[in-house]
């Protein structure tokens, strides 16, 4: 999921440089949402992994 966020961020940067403002804004929004979702899932898996303990 982090790779998708980075991909959309790169698309946003390229679109911004080329002057496609609408596409750049949309890609940036998608990248932000995916990054936040990645962080939430990462923290949840870290916490639940700690609760189960080492096996």
PDB file of N, CA and C in Angstrom:
ATOM      1  N   UNK A   1       0.821  -1.181   0.000  1.00  0.00           N
ATOM      2  CA  UNK A   1       0.000   0.000   0.000  1.00  0.00           C
ATOM      3  C   UNK A   1       0.867   1.247   0.000  1.00  0.00           C
ATOM      4  N   UNK A   2       1.982   1.173   0.677  1.00  0.00           N
ATOM      5  CA  UNK A   2       2.895   2.316   0.676  1.00  0.00           C
ATOM      6  C   UNK A   2       3.425   2.574  -0.729  1.00  0.00           C
ATOM      7  N   UNK A   3       3.631   1.508  -1.493  1.00  0.00           N
ATOM      8  CA  UNK A   3       4.120   1.698  -2.865  1.00  0.00           C
ATOM      9  C   UNK A   3       3.081   2.417  -3.724  1.00  0.00           C
ATOM     10  N   UNK A   4       1.782   2.145  -3.478  1.00  0.00           N
ATOM     11  CA  UNK A   4       0.731   2.858  -4.222  1.00  0.00           C
ATOM     12  C   UNK A   4       0.719   4.336  -3.852  1.00  0.00           C
ATOM     13  N   UNK A   5       0.911   4.652  -2.579  1.00  0.00           N
ATOM     14  CA  UNK A   5       0.951   6.042  -2.148  1.00  0.00           C
ATOM     15  C   UNK A   5       2.116   6.778  -2.793  1.00  0.00           C
ATOM     16  N   UNK A   6       3.265   6.117  -2.838  1.00  0.00           N
ATOM     17  CA  UNK A   6       4.437   6.731  -3.466  1.00  0.00           C
ATOM     18  C   UNK A   6       4.217   6.903  -4.962  1.00  0.00           C
ATOM     19  N   UNK A   7       3.575   5.927  -5.600  1.00  0.00           N
ATOM     20  CA  UNK A   7       3.291   6.028  -7.028  1.00  0.00           C
ATOM     21  C   UNK A   7       2.388   7.220  -7.326  1.00  0.00           C
ATOM     22  N   UNK A   8       1.317   7.387  -6.550  1.00  0.00           N
ATOM     23  CA  UNK A   8       0.425   8.517  -6.777  1.00  0.00           C
ATOM     24  C   UNK A   8       1.110   9.835  -6.466  1.00  0.00           C
ATOM     25  N   UNK A   9       2.014   9.858  -5.494  1.00  0.00           N
ATOM     26  CA  UNK A   9       2.763  11.072  -5.200  1.00  0.00           C
ATOM     27  C   UNK A   9       3.662  11.444  -6.368  1.00  0.00           C
ATOM     28  N   UNK A  10       4.316  10.473  -6.962  1.00  0.00           N
ATOM     29  CA  UNK A  10       5.172  10.739  -8.124  1.00  0.00           C
ATOM     30  C   UNK A  10       4.335  11.230  -9.307  1.00  0.00           C
ATOM     31  N   UNK A  11       3.163  10.610  -9.511  1.00  0.00           N
ATOM     32  CA  UNK A  11       2.267  11.067 -10.575  1.00  0.00           C
ATOM     33  C   UNK A  11       1.848  12.513 -10.326  1.00  0.00           C
ATOM     34  N   UNK A  12       1.560  12.850  -9.069  1.00  0.00           N
ATOM     35  CA  UNK A  12       1.159  14.214  -8.736  1.00  0.00           C
ATOM     36  C   UNK A  12       2.281  15.210  -9.004  1.00  0.00           C
ATOM     37  N   UNK A  13       3.497  14.838  -8.672  1.00  0.00           N
ATOM     38  CA  UNK A  13       4.638  15.732  -8.904  1.00  0.00           C
ATOM     39  C   UNK A  13       4.846  15.946 -10.392  1.00  0.00           C
ATOM     40  N   UNK A  14       4.809  14.878 -11.165  1.00  0.00           N
ATOM     41  CA  UNK A  14       5.001  14.996 -12.612  1.00  0.00           C
ATOM     42  C   UNK A  14       3.877  15.820 -13.239  1.00  0.00           C
ATOM     43  N   UNK A  15       2.638  15.564 -12.831  1.00  0.00           N
ATOM     44  CA  UNK A  15       1.509  16.319 -13.375  1.00  0.00           C
ATOM     45  C   UNK A  15       1.592  17.788 -12.981  1.00  0.00           C
ATOM     46  N   UNK A  16       2.043  18.063 -11.778  1.00  0.00           N
ATOM     47  CA  UNK A  16       2.207  19.450 -11.347  1.00  0.00           C
ATOM     48  C   UNK A  16       3.271  20.183 -12.140  1.00  0.00           C
ATOM     49  N   UNK A  17       4.369  19.511 -12.426  1.00  0.00           N
ATOM     50  CA  UNK A  17       5.441  20.123 -13.212  1.00  0.00           C
ATOM     51  C   UNK A  17       4.985  20.398 -14.640  1.00  0.00           C
ATOM     52  N   UNK A  18       4.181  19.495 -15.191  1.00  0.00           N
ATOM     53  CA  UNK A  18       3.710  19.653 -16.561  1.00  0.00           C
ATOM     54  C   UNK A  18       2.504  20.586 -16.669  1.00  0.00           C
ATOM     55  N   UNK A  19       1.953  21.020 -15.552  1.00  0.00           N
ATOM     56  CA  UNK A  19       0.874  21.992 -15.583  1.00  0.00           C
ATOM     57  C   UNK A  19      -0.523  21.418 -15.536  1.00  0.00           C
ATOM     58  N   UNK A  20      -0.667  20.157 -15.204  1.00  0.00           N
ATOM     59  CA  UNK A  20      -1.991  19.557 -15.087  1.00  0.00           C
ATOM     60  C   UNK A  20      -2.440  19.664 -13.627  1.00  0.00           C
ATOM     61  N   UNK A  21      -3.000  20.813 -13.268  1.00  0.00           N
ATOM     62  CA  UNK A  21      -3.335  21.085 -11.872  1.00  0.00           C
ATOM     63  C   UNK A  21      -4.399  20.168 -11.310  1.00  0.00           C
ATOM     64  N   UNK A  22      -5.448  19.882 -12.075  1.00  0.00           N
ATOM     65  CA  UNK A  22      -6.530  19.036 -11.572  1.00  0.00           C
ATOM     66  C   UNK A  22      -6.074  17.620 -11.313  1.00  0.00           C
ATOM     67  N   UNK A  23      -5.305  17.087 -12.230  1.00  0.00           N
ATOM     68  CA  UNK A  23      -4.796  15.723 -12.066  1.00  0.00           C
ATOM     69  C   UNK A  23      -3.816  15.667 -10.902  1.00  0.00           C
ATOM     70  N   UNK A  24      -3.000  16.690 -10.766  1.00  0.00           N
ATOM     71  CA  UNK A  24      -2.025  16.722  -9.676  1.00  0.00           C
ATOM     72  C   UNK A  24      -2.729  16.774  -8.331  1.00  0.00           C
ATOM     73  N   UNK A  25      -3.774  17.573  -8.224  1.00  0.00           N
ATOM     74  CA  UNK A  25      -4.514  17.663  -6.968  1.00  0.00           C
ATOM     75  C   UNK A  25      -5.190  16.360  -6.606  1.00  0.00           C
ATOM     76  N   UNK A  26      -5.786  15.712  -7.606  1.00  0.00           N
ATOM     77  CA  UNK A  26      -6.452  14.437  -7.365  1.00  0.00           C
ATOM     78  C   UNK A  26      -5.448  13.364  -6.948  1.00  0.00           C
ATOM     79  N   UNK A  27      -4.331  13.283  -7.649  1.00  0.00           N
ATOM     80  CA  UNK A  27      -3.309  12.286  -7.318  1.00  0.00           C
ATOM     81  C   UNK A  27      -2.728  12.543  -5.932  1.00  0.00           C
ATOM     82  N   UNK A  28      -2.563  13.813  -5.568  1.00  0.00           N
ATOM     83  CA  UNK A  28      -2.058  14.130  -4.233  1.00  0.00           C
ATOM     84  C   UNK A  28      -3.045  13.697  -3.160  1.00  0.00           C
ATOM     85  N   UNK A  29      -4.327  13.940  -3.400  1.00  0.00           N
ATOM     86  CA  UNK A  29      -5.351  13.518  -2.443  1.00  0.00           C
ATOM     87  C   UNK A  29      -5.378  12.016  -2.260  1.00  0.00           C
ATOM     88  N   UNK A  30      -5.279  11.277  -3.361  1.00  0.00           N
ATOM     89  CA  UNK A  30      -5.258   9.816  -3.282  1.00  0.00           C
ATOM     90  C   UNK A  30      -4.017   9.340  -2.533  1.00  0.00           C
ATOM     91  N   UNK A  31      -2.878   9.967  -2.800  1.00  0.00           N
ATOM     92  CA  UNK A  31      -1.633   9.588  -2.122  1.00  0.00           C
ATOM     93  C   UNK A  31      -1.743   9.821  -0.623  1.00  0.00           C
ATOM     94  N   UNK A  32      -2.353  10.928  -0.219  1.00  0.00           N
ATOM     95  CA  UNK A  32      -2.516  11.213   1.215  1.00  0.00           C
ATOM     96  C   UNK A  32      -3.411  10.166   1.879  1.00  0.00           C
ATOM     97  N   UNK A  33      -4.524   9.854   1.232  1.00  0.00           N
ATOM     98  CA  UNK A  33      -5.445   8.868   1.796  1.00  0.00           C
ATOM     99  C   UNK A  33      -4.772   7.508   1.935  1.00  0.00           C
ATOM    100  N   UNK A  34      -4.062   7.079   0.900  1.00  0.00           N
ATOM    101  CA  UNK A  34      -3.386   5.778   0.947  1.00  0.00           C
ATOM    102  C   UNK A  34      -2.295   5.750   2.007  1.00  0.00           C
ATOM    103  N   UNK A  35      -1.580   6.858   2.175  1.00  0.00           N
ATOM    104  CA  UNK A  35      -0.516   6.908   3.176  1.00  0.00           C
ATOM    105  C   UNK A  35      -1.096   6.826   4.583  1.00  0.00           C
ATOM    106  N   UNK A  36      -2.189   7.541   4.828  1.00  0.00           N
ATOM    107  CA  UNK A  36      -2.823   7.486   6.147  1.00  0.00           C
ATOM    108  C   UNK A  36      -3.360   6.085   6.417  1.00  0.00           C
ATOM    109  N   UNK A  37      -3.978   5.470   5.409  1.00  0.00           N
ATOM    110  CA  UNK A  37      -4.477   4.108   5.557  1.00  0.00           C
ATOM    111  C   UNK A  37      -3.335   3.138   5.846  1.00  0.00           C
ATOM    112  N   UNK A  38      -2.193   3.321   5.160  1.00  0.00           N
ATOM    113  CA  UNK A  38      -1.017   2.497   5.418  1.00  0.00           C
ATOM    114  C   UNK A  38      -0.557   2.644   6.863  1.00  0.00           C
ATOM    115  N   UNK A  39      -0.503   3.887   7.355  1.00  0.00           N
ATOM    116  CA  UNK A  39      -0.050   4.100   8.731  1.00  0.00           C
ATOM    117  C   UNK A  39      -0.995   3.462   9.741  1.00  0.00           C
ATOM    118  N   UNK A  40      -2.299   3.583   9.519  1.00  0.00           N
ATOM    119  CA  UNK A  40      -3.272   2.990  10.439  1.00  0.00           C
ATOM    120  C   UNK A  40      -3.123   1.471  10.465  1.00  0.00           C
ATOM    121  N   UNK A  41      -3.022   0.858   9.305  1.00  0.00           N
ATOM    122  CA  UNK A  41      -2.872  -0.597   9.249  1.00  0.00           C
ATOM    123  C   UNK A  41      -1.541  -1.054   9.852  1.00  0.00           C
ATOM    124  N   UNK A  42      -0.486  -0.274   9.648  1.00  0.00           N
ATOM    125  CA  UNK A  42       0.812  -0.613  10.210  1.00  0.00           C
ATOM    126  C   UNK A  42       0.763  -0.583  11.738  1.00  0.00           C
ATOM    127  N   UNK A  43       0.185   0.476  12.292  1.00  0.00           N
ATOM    128  CA  UNK A  43       0.096   0.594  13.748  1.00  0.00           C
ATOM    129  C   UNK A  43      -0.796  -0.511  14.317  1.00  0.00           C
ATOM    130  N   UNK A  44      -1.904  -0.810  13.651  1.00  0.00           N
ATOM    131  CA  UNK A  44      -2.797  -1.864  14.130  1.00  0.00           C
ATOM    132  C   UNK A  44      -2.102  -3.221  14.115  1.00  0.00           C
ATOM    133  N   UNK A  45      -1.389  -3.523  13.054  1.00  0.00           N
ATOM    134  CA  UNK A  45      -0.697  -4.812  12.996  1.00  0.00           C
ATOM    135  C   UNK A  45       0.436  -4.880  14.026  1.00  0.00           C
ATOM    136  N   UNK A  46       1.077  -3.757  14.288  1.00  0.00           N
ATOM    137  CA  UNK A  46       2.129  -3.721  15.306  1.00  0.00           C
ATOM    138  C   UNK A  46       1.545  -3.978  16.693  1.00  0.00           C
ATOM    139  N   UNK A  47       0.436  -3.317  16.999  1.00  0.00           N
ATOM    140  CA  UNK A  47      -0.180  -3.474  18.320  1.00  0.00           C
ATOM    141  C   UNK A  47      -0.710  -4.889  18.502  1.00  0.00           C
ATOM    142  N   UNK A  48      -1.447  -5.411  17.510  1.00  0.00           N
ATOM    143  CA  UNK A  48      -1.997  -6.757  17.648  1.00  0.00           C
ATOM    144  C   UNK A  48      -0.899  -7.820  17.630  1.00  0.00           C
ATOM    145  N   UNK A  49       0.194  -7.546  16.954  1.00  0.00           N
ATOM    146  CA  UNK A  49       1.322  -8.471  16.977  1.00  0.00           C
ATOM    147  C   UNK A  49       1.974  -8.536  18.349  1.00  0.00           C
ATOM    148  N   UNK A  50       2.025  -7.396  19.018  1.00  0.00           N
ATOM    149  CA  UNK A  50       2.586  -7.349  20.372  1.00  0.00           C
ATOM    150  C   UNK A  50       1.655  -8.031  21.373  1.00  0.00           C
ATOM    151  N   UNK A  51       0.349  -7.943  21.148  1.00  0.00           N
ATOM    152  CA  UNK A  51      -0.604  -8.542  22.081  1.00  0.00           C
ATOM    153  C   UNK A  51      -0.525 -10.069  22.041  1.00  0.00           C
ATOM    154  N   UNK A  52      -0.273 -10.616  20.869  1.00  0.00           N
ATOM    155  CA  UNK A  52      -0.198 -12.070  20.749  1.00  0.00           C
ATOM    156  C   UNK A  52       1.080 -12.619  21.383  1.00  0.00           C
ATOM    157  N   UNK A  53       2.130 -11.828  21.378  1.00  0.00           N
ATOM    158  CA  UNK A  53       3.376 -12.242  21.988  1.00  0.00           C
ATOM    159  C   UNK A  53       4.184 -13.142  21.060  1.00  0.00           C
ATOM    160  N   UNK A  54       5.461 -13.338  21.430  1.00  0.00           N
ATOM    161  CA  UNK A  54       6.299 -14.216  20.606  1.00  0.00           C
ATOM    162  C   UNK A  54       5.886 -15.672  20.750  1.00  0.00           C
ATOM    163  N   UNK A  55       6.055 -16.397  19.685  1.00  0.00           N
ATOM    164  CA  UNK A  55       5.692 -17.819  19.722  1.00  0.00           C
ATOM    165  C   UNK A  55       6.910 -18.671  19.586  1.00  0.00           C
TER     166      UNK A  55
END
